């Protein structure tokens, strides 16, 4: 997959099969669109193209509304690379760009700058200034500018529409299993390992403290979770404490990961925790011995769930 950080870097294709959208989380609904996009490109001898944007449009247009996202740009690129896409264009989103009329968006960007011959769009997709463009508009524009349009209907899991909003709600409630069902993969929390107070190692549970440098990243609700991490190409079982640590008097929200059966220095490395299961809520213990006993029970529970 070739990655371009603006439309200016991209040369028009002879036969582009394209789609556009934010694709936050790259969930099952997104994967259905991208799967059809990639397959259509193969069928017609073209190349698949996704036009997406950074920052997220709502962060630009509604700066006063707090929005938490499912993926950082780095995480989104990694997930999209797994879909078989040929080209990923990440165009800077600005207020000026948001004022592009729908006709100009189709004619100048999709047709002239990308070279679209087939346009694959998701259910209820809108585009252009004030989201004025719709599937009906595209059906009108297609014969004029020489492209065909495919619309993918609402994609359901157990009769529930998949959406980034529903995934955010599930994570905010700590229901990481439901979020993973919607996503089609475990939710990922990534960050650089920084030094903490090193208390964990004194009770036999050393932890890697993550610095989540993407401030808009959605972190699941406070609790203890089981999951996996990948270190130097090897997957390790792990458990994480997300939130405050009342037993040691810390009110600061943090993400601390205990990697099982691993010894080594992780400081400065970028670690990705794939969240699999919620084990319990954050609790206050009367002593460090009581905390250690609970962590031992948590580890046994985590190993059971991750088996």
C-alpha atoms as a PDB file:
ATOM      1  CA  UNK A   1       0.000   0.000   0.000  1.00  0.00           C
ATOM      2  CA  UNK A   2       1.365   3.381  -1.024  1.00  0.00           C
ATOM      3  CA  UNK A   3       0.678   6.255   1.372  1.00  0.00           C
ATOM      4  CA  UNK A   4       0.351   9.904   0.296  1.00  0.00           C
ATOM      5  CA  UNK A   5       0.005  12.780   2.769  1.00  0.00           C
ATOM      6  CA  UNK A   6      -1.853  15.103   0.413  1.00  0.00           C
ATOM      7  CA  UNK A   7      -3.671  15.017  -2.917  1.00  0.00           C
ATOM      8  CA  UNK A   8      -0.778  16.988  -4.398  1.00  0.00           C
ATOM      9  CA  UNK A   9       1.491  13.945  -3.970  1.00  0.00           C
ATOM     10  CA  UNK A  10      -0.861  11.701  -5.949  1.00  0.00           C
ATOM     11  CA  UNK A  11      -0.789  11.275  -9.738  1.00  0.00           C
ATOM     12  CA  UNK A  12      -4.127  10.470 -11.417  1.00  0.00           C
ATOM     13  CA  UNK A  13      -4.645   6.817 -12.338  1.00  0.00           C
ATOM     14  CA  UNK A  14      -6.000   5.423 -15.596  1.00  0.00           C
ATOM     15  CA  UNK A  15      -8.584   3.372 -13.698  1.00  0.00           C
ATOM     16  CA  UNK A  16      -9.052   4.279 -10.041  1.00  0.00           C
ATOM     17  CA  UNK A  17     -11.642   2.441  -7.956  1.00  0.00           C
ATOM     18  CA  UNK A  18     -12.072   4.798  -5.046  1.00  0.00           C
ATOM     19  CA  UNK A  19     -13.898   5.569  -1.833  1.00  0.00           C
ATOM     20  CA  UNK A  20     -13.660   8.359   0.707  1.00  0.00           C
ATOM     21  CA  UNK A  21     -14.346   8.834   4.409  1.00  0.00           C
ATOM     22  CA  UNK A  22     -12.730   9.110   7.832  1.00  0.00           C
ATOM     23  CA  UNK A  23     -12.662   5.341   8.576  1.00  0.00           C
ATOM     24  CA  UNK A  24     -11.951   5.847  12.282  1.00  0.00           C
ATOM     25  CA  UNK A  25     -11.354   2.445  13.878  1.00  0.00           C
ATOM     26  CA  UNK A  26     -11.425   0.574  10.539  1.00  0.00           C
ATOM     27  CA  UNK A  27     -14.380  -1.478  11.841  1.00  0.00           C
ATOM     28  CA  UNK A  28     -16.353  -4.282  10.162  1.00  0.00           C
ATOM     29  CA  UNK A  29     -18.539  -1.846   8.237  1.00  0.00           C
ATOM     30  CA  UNK A  30     -15.424  -0.130   6.885  1.00  0.00           C
ATOM     31  CA  UNK A  31     -13.873  -3.493   6.025  1.00  0.00           C
ATOM     32  CA  UNK A  32     -16.936  -4.455   4.023  1.00  0.00           C
ATOM     33  CA  UNK A  33     -16.607  -1.277   1.951  1.00  0.00           C
ATOM     34  CA  UNK A  34     -12.864  -1.754   1.496  1.00  0.00           C
ATOM     35  CA  UNK A  35     -13.253  -5.433   0.659  1.00  0.00           C
ATOM     36  CA  UNK A  36     -15.675  -4.578  -2.136  1.00  0.00           C
ATOM     37  CA  UNK A  37     -13.401  -1.732  -3.236  1.00  0.00           C
ATOM     38  CA  UNK A  38     -10.368  -4.011  -3.541  1.00  0.00           C
ATOM     39  CA  UNK A  39     -12.334  -6.787  -5.264  1.00  0.00           C
ATOM     40  CA  UNK A  40     -13.919  -4.369  -7.753  1.00  0.00           C
ATOM     41  CA  UNK A  41     -10.479  -2.989  -8.612  1.00  0.00           C
ATOM     42  CA  UNK A  42      -9.252  -6.513  -9.346  1.00  0.00           C
ATOM     43  CA  UNK A  43     -12.330  -7.294 -11.432  1.00  0.00           C
ATOM     44  CA  UNK A  44     -11.925  -4.248 -13.691  1.00  0.00           C
ATOM     45  CA  UNK A  45      -8.126  -4.233 -13.818  1.00  0.00           C
ATOM     46  CA  UNK A  46      -7.901  -1.000 -11.836  1.00  0.00           C
ATOM     47  CA  UNK A  47      -6.264   0.177  -8.613  1.00  0.00           C
ATOM     48  CA  UNK A  48      -8.008   0.728  -5.268  1.00  0.00           C
ATOM     49  CA  UNK A  49      -7.802   4.161  -3.642  1.00  0.00           C
ATOM     50  CA  UNK A  50      -8.994   5.472  -0.276  1.00  0.00           C
ATOM     51  CA  UNK A  51      -9.140   9.228   0.250  1.00  0.00           C
ATOM     52  CA  UNK A  52      -9.251  10.029   3.958  1.00  0.00           C
ATOM     53  CA  UNK A  53      -8.450  13.079   6.040  1.00  0.00           C
ATOM     54  CA  UNK A  54      -6.331  14.284   8.958  1.00  0.00           C
ATOM     55  CA  UNK A  55      -7.186  15.744  11.388  1.00  0.00           C
ATOM     56  CA  UNK A  56     -10.633  14.212  11.784  1.00  0.00           C
ATOM     57  CA  UNK A  57     -13.102  16.722  10.227  1.00  0.00           C
ATOM     58  CA  UNK A  58     -15.095  17.076  13.456  1.00  0.00           C
ATOM     59  CA  UNK A  59     -11.956  18.192  15.316  1.00  0.00           C
ATOM     60  CA  UNK A  60     -11.646  21.048  12.812  1.00  0.00           C
ATOM     61  CA  UNK A  61     -15.308  21.973  12.421  1.00  0.00           C
ATOM     62  CA  UNK A  62     -16.403  21.437  16.049  1.00  0.00           C
ATOM     63  CA  UNK A  63     -13.294  22.224  18.130  1.00  0.00           C
ATOM     64  CA  UNK A  64     -15.356  22.901  21.264  1.00  0.00           C
ATOM     65  CA  UNK A  65     -16.952  19.431  21.210  1.00  0.00           C
ATOM     66  CA  UNK A  66     -14.789  16.805  22.879  1.00  0.00           C
ATOM     67  CA  UNK A  67     -14.310  13.928  20.451  1.00  0.00           C
ATOM     68  CA  UNK A  68     -12.443  10.743  21.306  1.00  0.00           C
ATOM     69  CA  UNK A  69     -11.181   8.672  18.394  1.00  0.00           C
ATOM     70  CA  UNK A  70     -10.622   4.941  18.034  1.00  0.00           C
ATOM     71  CA  UNK A  71      -7.361   5.203  16.115  1.00  0.00           C
ATOM     72  CA  UNK A  72      -4.405   7.506  15.880  1.00  0.00           C
ATOM     73  CA  UNK A  73      -3.172   8.180  12.341  1.00  0.00           C
ATOM     74  CA  UNK A  74      -0.395   5.602  12.789  1.00  0.00           C
ATOM     75  CA  UNK A  75      -2.866   2.967  13.999  1.00  0.00           C
ATOM     76  CA  UNK A  76      -5.283   3.680  11.150  1.00  0.00           C
ATOM     77  CA  UNK A  77      -2.558   3.305   8.532  1.00  0.00           C
ATOM     78  CA  UNK A  78      -1.493  -0.040  10.043  1.00  0.00           C
ATOM     79  CA  UNK A  79      -5.080  -1.358  10.004  1.00  0.00           C
ATOM     80  CA  UNK A  80      -5.735  -0.146   6.463  1.00  0.00           C
ATOM     81  CA  UNK A  81      -2.569  -1.825   5.235  1.00  0.00           C
ATOM     82  CA  UNK A  82      -4.123  -5.176   6.165  1.00  0.00           C
ATOM     83  CA  UNK A  83      -7.097  -4.633   3.815  1.00  0.00           C
ATOM     84  CA  UNK A  84      -5.207  -5.002   0.534  1.00  0.00           C
ATOM     85  CA  UNK A  85      -5.576  -1.344  -0.515  1.00  0.00           C
ATOM     86  CA  UNK A  86      -3.288  -0.132  -3.302  1.00  0.00           C
ATOM     87  CA  UNK A  87      -3.274   3.593  -2.440  1.00  0.00           C
ATOM     88  CA  UNK A  88      -4.059   5.589   0.710  1.00  0.00           C
ATOM     89  CA  UNK A  89      -4.335   9.372   0.390  1.00  0.00           C
ATOM     90  CA  UNK A  90      -4.382  11.267   3.720  1.00  0.00           C
ATOM     91  CA  UNK A  91      -5.330  14.820   2.821  1.00  0.00           C
ATOM     92  CA  UNK A  92      -5.018  17.679   5.359  1.00  0.00           C
ATOM     93  CA  UNK A  93      -8.494  18.715   6.462  1.00  0.00           C
ATOM     94  CA  UNK A  94      -9.013  22.447   6.968  1.00  0.00           C
ATOM     95  CA  UNK A  95     -11.994  24.771   7.232  1.00  0.00           C
ATOM     96  CA  UNK A  96     -11.191  26.021   3.743  1.00  0.00           C
ATOM     97  CA  UNK A  97     -11.239  22.472   2.360  1.00  0.00           C
ATOM     98  CA  UNK A  98     -14.560  21.835   4.128  1.00  0.00           C
ATOM     99  CA  UNK A  99     -16.151  24.547   1.978  1.00  0.00           C
ATOM    100  CA  UNK A 100     -15.522  22.606  -1.241  1.00  0.00           C
ATOM    101  CA  UNK A 101     -18.886  22.261  -3.069  1.00  0.00           C
ATOM    102  CA  UNK A 102     -19.987  18.681  -3.760  1.00  0.00           C
ATOM    103  CA  UNK A 103     -19.777  19.116  -7.546  1.00  0.00           C
ATOM    104  CA  UNK A 104     -16.225  20.495  -7.304  1.00  0.00           C
ATOM    105  CA  UNK A 105     -15.275  17.669  -4.918  1.00  0.00           C
ATOM    106  CA  UNK A 106     -16.411  15.080  -7.456  1.00  0.00           C
ATOM    107  CA  UNK A 107     -15.153  16.778 -10.621  1.00  0.00           C
ATOM    108  CA  UNK A 108     -11.833  18.256  -9.471  1.00  0.00           C
ATOM    109  CA  UNK A 109     -10.766  15.806  -6.771  1.00  0.00           C
ATOM    110  CA  UNK A 110     -12.317  12.399  -7.461  1.00  0.00           C
ATOM    111  CA  UNK A 111     -12.262  12.599 -11.276  1.00  0.00           C
ATOM    112  CA  UNK A 112      -9.393  14.927 -12.235  1.00  0.00           C
ATOM    113  CA  UNK A 113      -6.949  14.367  -9.347  1.00  0.00           C
ATOM    114  CA  UNK A 114      -7.597  10.699  -8.615  1.00  0.00           C
ATOM    115  CA  UNK A 115      -8.923   9.392 -11.930  1.00  0.00           C
ATOM    116  CA  UNK A 116     -11.955   7.587 -10.541  1.00  0.00           C
ATOM    117  CA  UNK A 117     -13.791   5.175 -12.849  1.00  0.00           C
ATOM    118  CA  UNK A 118     -15.658   3.304 -10.106  1.00  0.00           C
ATOM    119  CA  UNK A 119     -16.805   4.899  -6.842  1.00  0.00           C
ATOM    120  CA  UNK A 120     -17.693   2.611  -3.926  1.00  0.00           C
ATOM    121  CA  UNK A 121     -19.490   4.312  -1.036  1.00  0.00           C
ATOM    122  CA  UNK A 122     -21.049   3.219   2.206  1.00  0.00           C
ATOM    123  CA  UNK A 123     -24.601   3.486   3.378  1.00  0.00           C
ATOM    124  CA  UNK A 124     -25.839   7.069   3.895  1.00  0.00           C
ATOM    125  CA  UNK A 125     -22.555   8.614   2.746  1.00  0.00           C
ATOM    126  CA  UNK A 126     -22.413  12.410   2.374  1.00  0.00           C
ATOM    127  CA  UNK A 127     -19.619  14.649   1.135  1.00  0.00           C
ATOM    128  CA  UNK A 128     -18.735  18.214   0.148  1.00  0.00           C
ATOM    129  CA  UNK A 129     -19.693  21.523   1.746  1.00  0.00           C
ATOM    130  CA  UNK A 130     -22.236  21.071   4.577  1.00  0.00           C
ATOM    131  CA  UNK A 131     -22.417  17.369   3.593  1.00  0.00           C
ATOM    132  CA  UNK A 132     -24.608  18.423   0.692  1.00  0.00           C
ATOM    133  CA  UNK A 133     -23.469  15.604  -1.620  1.00  0.00           C
ATOM    134  CA  UNK A 134     -25.357  12.290  -1.504  1.00  0.00           C
ATOM    135  CA  UNK A 135     -25.728   9.001  -3.361  1.00  0.00           C
ATOM    136  CA  UNK A 136     -28.392  10.613  -5.551  1.00  0.00           C
ATOM    137  CA  UNK A 137     -25.951  13.351  -6.553  1.00  0.00           C
ATOM    138  CA  UNK A 138     -23.317  10.782  -7.425  1.00  0.00           C
ATOM    139  CA  UNK A 139     -25.764   8.905  -9.647  1.00  0.00           C
ATOM    140  CA  UNK A 140     -26.357  12.174 -11.507  1.00  0.00           C
ATOM    141  CA  UNK A 141     -22.645  13.041 -11.777  1.00  0.00           C
ATOM    142  CA  UNK A 142     -21.524   9.551 -12.844  1.00  0.00           C
ATOM    143  CA  UNK A 143     -22.699   9.566 -16.480  1.00  0.00           C
ATOM    144  CA  UNK A 144     -21.476  13.161 -16.916  1.00  0.00           C
ATOM    145  CA  UNK A 145     -17.928  12.532 -15.662  1.00  0.00           C
ATOM    146  CA  UNK A 146     -17.503   8.912 -16.708  1.00  0.00           C
ATOM    147  CA  UNK A 147     -17.663   6.853 -13.535  1.00  0.00           C
ATOM    148  CA  UNK A 148     -19.966   4.226 -12.025  1.00  0.00           C
ATOM    149  CA  UNK A 149     -21.260   4.244  -8.449  1.00  0.00           C
ATOM    150  CA  UNK A 150     -21.734   1.302  -6.079  1.00  0.00           C
ATOM    151  CA  UNK A 151     -23.536   1.856  -2.776  1.00  0.00           C
ATOM    152  CA  UNK A 152     -23.126  -0.652   0.056  1.00  0.00           C
ATOM    153  CA  UNK A 153     -26.222  -0.986   2.285  1.00  0.00           C
ATOM    154  CA  UNK A 154     -26.163  -0.796   6.081  1.00  0.00           C
ATOM    155  CA  UNK A 155     -23.998  -3.581   7.481  1.00  0.00           C
ATOM    156  CA  UNK A 156     -25.451  -5.302  10.546  1.00  0.00           C
ATOM    157  CA  UNK A 157     -24.094  -7.552  13.285  1.00  0.00           C
ATOM    158  CA  UNK A 158     -26.907  -9.234  15.189  1.00  0.00           C
ATOM    159  CA  UNK A 159     -29.298  -6.667  13.683  1.00  0.00           C
ATOM    160  CA  UNK A 160     -27.278  -3.730  15.092  1.00  0.00           C
ATOM    161  CA  UNK A 161     -25.640  -1.253  12.734  1.00  0.00           C
ATOM    162  CA  UNK A 162     -21.878  -1.079  13.122  1.00  0.00           C
ATOM    163  CA  UNK A 163     -20.742   2.473  13.772  1.00  0.00           C
ATOM    164  CA  UNK A 164     -17.796   4.218  15.363  1.00  0.00           C
ATOM    165  CA  UNK A 165     -20.232   5.790  17.851  1.00  0.00           C
ATOM    166  CA  UNK A 166     -21.461   2.412  19.093  1.00  0.00           C
ATOM    167  CA  UNK A 167     -17.883   1.196  19.440  1.00  0.00           C
ATOM    168  CA  UNK A 168     -17.001   4.301  21.453  1.00  0.00           C
ATOM    169  CA  UNK A 169     -19.992   3.693  23.725  1.00  0.00           C
ATOM    170  CA  UNK A 170     -18.993   0.062  24.282  1.00  0.00           C
ATOM    171  CA  UNK A 171     -15.431   1.045  25.205  1.00  0.00           C
ATOM    172  CA  UNK A 172     -16.622   3.820  27.504  1.00  0.00           C
ATOM    173  CA  UNK A 173     -18.606   1.169  29.377  1.00  0.00           C
ATOM    174  CA  UNK A 174     -15.641  -1.221  29.480  1.00  0.00           C
ATOM    175  CA  UNK A 175     -17.352  -3.702  27.152  1.00  0.00           C
ATOM    176  CA  UNK A 176     -14.219  -4.435  25.133  1.00  0.00           C
ATOM    177  CA  UNK A 177     -15.555  -7.778  23.883  1.00  0.00           C
ATOM    178  CA  UNK A 178     -18.521  -6.058  22.185  1.00  0.00           C
ATOM    179  CA  UNK A 179     -16.186  -3.408  20.768  1.00  0.00           C
ATOM    180  CA  UNK A 180     -13.961  -6.147  19.326  1.00  0.00           C
ATOM    181  CA  UNK A 181     -17.018  -7.791  17.719  1.00  0.00           C
ATOM    182  CA  UNK A 182     -17.890  -4.501  16.024  1.00  0.00           C
ATOM    183  CA  UNK A 183     -14.308  -3.795  15.013  1.00  0.00           C
ATOM    184  CA  UNK A 184     -13.458  -7.276  13.803  1.00  0.00           C
ATOM    185  CA  UNK A 185     -10.233  -7.058  15.820  1.00  0.00           C
ATOM    186  CA  UNK A 186      -9.232  -6.255  19.422  1.00  0.00           C
ATOM    187  CA  UNK A 187      -9.099  -2.583  20.376  1.00  0.00           C
ATOM    188  CA  UNK A 188      -5.534  -1.242  20.383  1.00  0.00           C
ATOM    189  CA  UNK A 189      -3.960   1.164  22.876  1.00  0.00           C
ATOM    190  CA  UNK A 190      -0.481   2.320  21.901  1.00  0.00           C
ATOM    191  CA  UNK A 191       2.149   4.534  23.451  1.00  0.00           C
ATOM    192  CA  UNK A 192       5.787   4.957  24.402  1.00  0.00           C
ATOM    193  CA  UNK A 193       6.956   3.170  27.549  1.00  0.00           C
ATOM    194  CA  UNK A 194       8.042   5.737  30.142  1.00  0.00           C
ATOM    195  CA  UNK A 195       9.321   5.467  33.704  1.00  0.00           C
ATOM    196  CA  UNK A 196       6.782   5.211  36.501  1.00  0.00           C
ATOM    197  CA  UNK A 197       7.212   4.824  40.238  1.00  0.00           C
ATOM    198  CA  UNK A 198       8.449   1.227  39.726  1.00  0.00           C
ATOM    199  CA  UNK A 199       6.232  -0.069  42.537  1.00  0.00           C
ATOM    200  CA  UNK A 200       5.048  -3.065  40.541  1.00  0.00           C
ATOM    201  CA  UNK A 201       8.453  -4.687  40.392  1.00  0.00           C
ATOM    202  CA  UNK A 202       8.691  -4.662  44.218  1.00  0.00           C
ATOM    203  CA  UNK A 203       5.649  -6.961  44.451  1.00  0.00           C
ATOM    204  CA  UNK A 204       6.524  -9.193  41.517  1.00  0.00           C
ATOM    205  CA  UNK A 205       4.377  -7.457  38.875  1.00  0.00           C
ATOM    206  CA  UNK A 206       6.575  -5.006  36.943  1.00  0.00           C
ATOM    207  CA  UNK A 207       4.594  -2.777  34.598  1.00  0.00           C
ATOM    208  CA  UNK A 208       5.248  -0.784  31.448  1.00  0.00           C
ATOM    209  CA  UNK A 209       3.737   2.685  31.771  1.00  0.00           C
ATOM    210  CA  UNK A 210       2.380   3.968  28.465  1.00  0.00           C
ATOM    211  CA  UNK A 211       2.562   7.599  27.425  1.00  0.00           C
ATOM    212  CA  UNK A 212      -0.499   8.006  25.185  1.00  0.00           C
ATOM    213  CA  UNK A 213       0.700  10.943  23.097  1.00  0.00           C
ATOM    214  CA  UNK A 214      -2.442  11.088  20.906  1.00  0.00           C
ATOM    215  CA  UNK A 215      -4.647  13.262  23.096  1.00  0.00           C
ATOM    216  CA  UNK A 216      -7.867  12.376  21.268  1.00  0.00           C
ATOM    217  CA  UNK A 217      -7.420   8.611  21.780  1.00  0.00           C
ATOM    218  CA  UNK A 218     -10.364   6.921  23.479  1.00  0.00           C
ATOM    219  CA  UNK A 219      -9.198   4.908  26.499  1.00  0.00           C
ATOM    220  CA  UNK A 220     -11.648   2.262  27.816  1.00  0.00           C
ATOM    221  CA  UNK A 221     -13.276   2.838  31.199  1.00  0.00           C
ATOM    222  CA  UNK A 222     -11.208   2.272  34.348  1.00  0.00           C
ATOM    223  CA  UNK A 223     -10.535  -1.372  35.117  1.00  0.00           C
ATOM    224  CA  UNK A 224      -8.142  -4.294  34.833  1.00  0.00           C
ATOM    225  CA  UNK A 225      -7.968  -5.896  31.394  1.00  0.00           C
ATOM    226  CA  UNK A 226      -6.378  -8.943  29.745  1.00  0.00           C
ATOM    227  CA  UNK A 227      -4.840  -8.787  26.301  1.00  0.00           C
ATOM    228  CA  UNK A 228      -1.672  -9.218  24.286  1.00  0.00           C
ATOM    229  CA  UNK A 229       1.336  -7.139  23.285  1.00  0.00           C
ATOM    230  CA  UNK A 230       3.839  -7.640  20.499  1.00  0.00           C
ATOM    231  CA  UNK A 231       7.510  -7.155  21.308  1.00  0.00           C
ATOM    232  CA  UNK A 232      10.173  -7.674  18.621  1.00  0.00           C
ATOM    233  CA  UNK A 233       7.796  -9.784  16.560  1.00  0.00           C
ATOM    234  CA  UNK A 234       6.712 -12.037  19.457  1.00  0.00           C
ATOM    235  CA  UNK A 235       3.237 -11.928  21.019  1.00  0.00           C
ATOM    236  CA  UNK A 236       3.017 -12.003  24.823  1.00  0.00           C
ATOM    237  CA  UNK A 237       0.003 -12.339  27.088  1.00  0.00           C
ATOM    238  CA  UNK A 238      -0.472  -9.312  29.287  1.00  0.00           C
ATOM    239  CA  UNK A 239      -2.804  -7.534  31.655  1.00  0.00           C
ATOM    240  CA  UNK A 240      -3.283  -3.820  32.116  1.00  0.00           C
ATOM    241  CA  UNK A 241      -4.525  -1.482  34.802  1.00  0.00           C
ATOM    242  CA  UNK A 242      -6.354   1.425  33.191  1.00  0.00           C
ATOM    243  CA  UNK A 243      -7.257   4.348  35.414  1.00  0.00           C
ATOM    244  CA  UNK A 244      -6.331   5.446  38.885  1.00  0.00           C
ATOM    245  CA  UNK A 245      -4.408   3.475  41.508  1.00  0.00           C
ATOM    246  CA  UNK A 246      -6.177   4.238  44.794  1.00  0.00           C
ATOM    247  CA  UNK A 247      -4.172   1.708  46.839  1.00  0.00           C
ATOM    248  CA  UNK A 248      -0.968   3.711  46.327  1.00  0.00           C
ATOM    249  CA  UNK A 249      -2.737   7.087  46.497  1.00  0.00           C
ATOM    250  CA  UNK A 250      -2.569   7.952  42.817  1.00  0.00           C
ATOM    251  CA  UNK A 251      -5.514   9.870  41.329  1.00  0.00           C
ATOM    252  CA  UNK A 252      -3.842  10.275  37.940  1.00  0.00           C
ATOM    253  CA  UNK A 253      -5.342   8.183  35.138  1.00  0.00           C
ATOM    254  CA  UNK A 254      -2.717   5.957  33.544  1.00  0.00           C
ATOM    255  CA  UNK A 255      -2.233   2.798  31.471  1.00  0.00           C
ATOM    256  CA  UNK A 256       0.142   0.277  33.041  1.00  0.00           C
ATOM    257  CA  UNK A 257       0.828  -3.074  31.386  1.00  0.00           C
ATOM    258  CA  UNK A 258       2.245  -6.192  32.995  1.00  0.00           C
ATOM    259  CA  UNK A 259       3.767  -8.402  30.283  1.00  0.00           C
ATOM    260  CA  UNK A 260       3.746 -12.054  31.314  1.00  0.00           C
ATOM    261  CA  UNK A 261       6.805 -14.266  30.835  1.00  0.00           C
ATOM    262  CA  UNK A 262       8.921 -11.380  29.614  1.00  0.00           C
ATOM    263  CA  UNK A 263      12.153  -9.997  30.997  1.00  0.00           C
ATOM    264  CA  UNK A 264      13.870  -7.003  29.498  1.00  0.00           C
ATOM    265  CA  UNK A 265      14.005  -3.234  29.252  1.00  0.00           C
ATOM    266  CA  UNK A 266      11.060  -1.695  27.404  1.00  0.00           C
ATOM    267  CA  UNK A 267      11.792   1.982  28.162  1.00  0.00           C
ATOM    268  CA  UNK A 268      11.530   4.105  25.038  1.00  0.00           C
ATOM    269  CA  UNK A 269       9.823   1.395  22.993  1.00  0.00           C
ATOM    270  CA  UNK A 270       6.409   1.918  21.422  1.00  0.00           C
ATOM    271  CA  UNK A 271       4.068  -0.737  22.798  1.00  0.00           C
ATOM    272  CA  UNK A 272       0.626  -1.706  21.487  1.00  0.00           C
ATOM    273  CA  UNK A 273      -1.776  -3.403  23.890  1.00  0.00           C
ATOM    274  CA  UNK A 274      -4.555  -5.365  22.166  1.00  0.00           C
ATOM    275  CA  UNK A 275      -7.396  -5.320  24.702  1.00  0.00           C
ATOM    276  CA  UNK A 276      -9.169  -8.670  24.883  1.00  0.00           C
ATOM    277  CA  UNK A 277     -11.203  -8.969  28.099  1.00  0.00           C
ATOM    278  CA  UNK A 278     -12.227  -6.895  31.097  1.00  0.00           C
ATOM    279  CA  UNK A 279     -11.275  -8.690  34.319  1.00  0.00           C
ATOM    280  CA  UNK A 280     -12.612  -6.382  37.039  1.00  0.00           C
ATOM    281  CA  UNK A 281     -13.090  -2.838  38.257  1.00  0.00           C
ATOM    282  CA  UNK A 282     -10.334  -0.796  39.893  1.00  0.00           C
ATOM    283  CA  UNK A 283     -10.312  -1.590  43.604  1.00  0.00           C
ATOM    284  CA  UNK A 284      -8.749  -0.189  46.782  1.00  0.00           C
ATOM    285  CA  UNK A 285      -6.745  -2.624  48.934  1.00  0.00           C
ATOM    286  CA  UNK A 286      -5.764  -2.356  52.598  1.00  0.00           C
ATOM    287  CA  UNK A 287      -2.169  -3.378  51.940  1.00  0.00           C
ATOM    288  CA  UNK A 288       0.326  -4.173  49.212  1.00  0.00           C
ATOM    289  CA  UNK A 289       0.079  -7.856  50.185  1.00  0.00           C
ATOM    290  CA  UNK A 290      -3.658  -7.764  49.469  1.00  0.00           C
ATOM    291  CA  UNK A 291      -2.956  -6.047  46.139  1.00  0.00           C
ATOM    292  CA  UNK A 292      -0.349  -8.691  45.271  1.00  0.00           C
ATOM    293  CA  UNK A 293      -2.805 -11.483  46.073  1.00  0.00           C
ATOM    294  CA  UNK A 294      -5.445  -9.917  43.831  1.00  0.00           C
ATOM    295  CA  UNK A 295      -2.938  -9.444  41.001  1.00  0.00           C
ATOM    296  CA  UNK A 296      -2.058 -13.144  41.240  1.00  0.00           C
ATOM    297  CA  UNK A 297      -5.755 -13.974  40.921  1.00  0.00           C
ATOM    298  CA  UNK A 298      -6.055 -11.519  38.018  1.00  0.00           C
ATOM    299  CA  UNK A 299      -3.135 -13.194  36.252  1.00  0.00           C
ATOM    300  CA  UNK A 300      -4.723 -16.629  36.578  1.00  0.00           C
ATOM    301  CA  UNK A 301      -8.009 -15.228  35.259  1.00  0.00           C
ATOM    302  CA  UNK A 302      -6.244 -13.498  32.386  1.00  0.00           C
ATOM    303  CA  UNK A 303      -4.383 -16.663  31.387  1.00  0.00           C
ATOM    304  CA  UNK A 304      -7.659 -18.569  31.426  1.00  0.00           C
ATOM    305  CA  UNK A 305      -9.452 -16.020  29.208  1.00  0.00           C
ATOM    306  CA  UNK A 306      -6.510 -15.713  26.825  1.00  0.00           C
ATOM    307  CA  UNK A 307      -5.931 -19.479  26.518  1.00  0.00           C
END
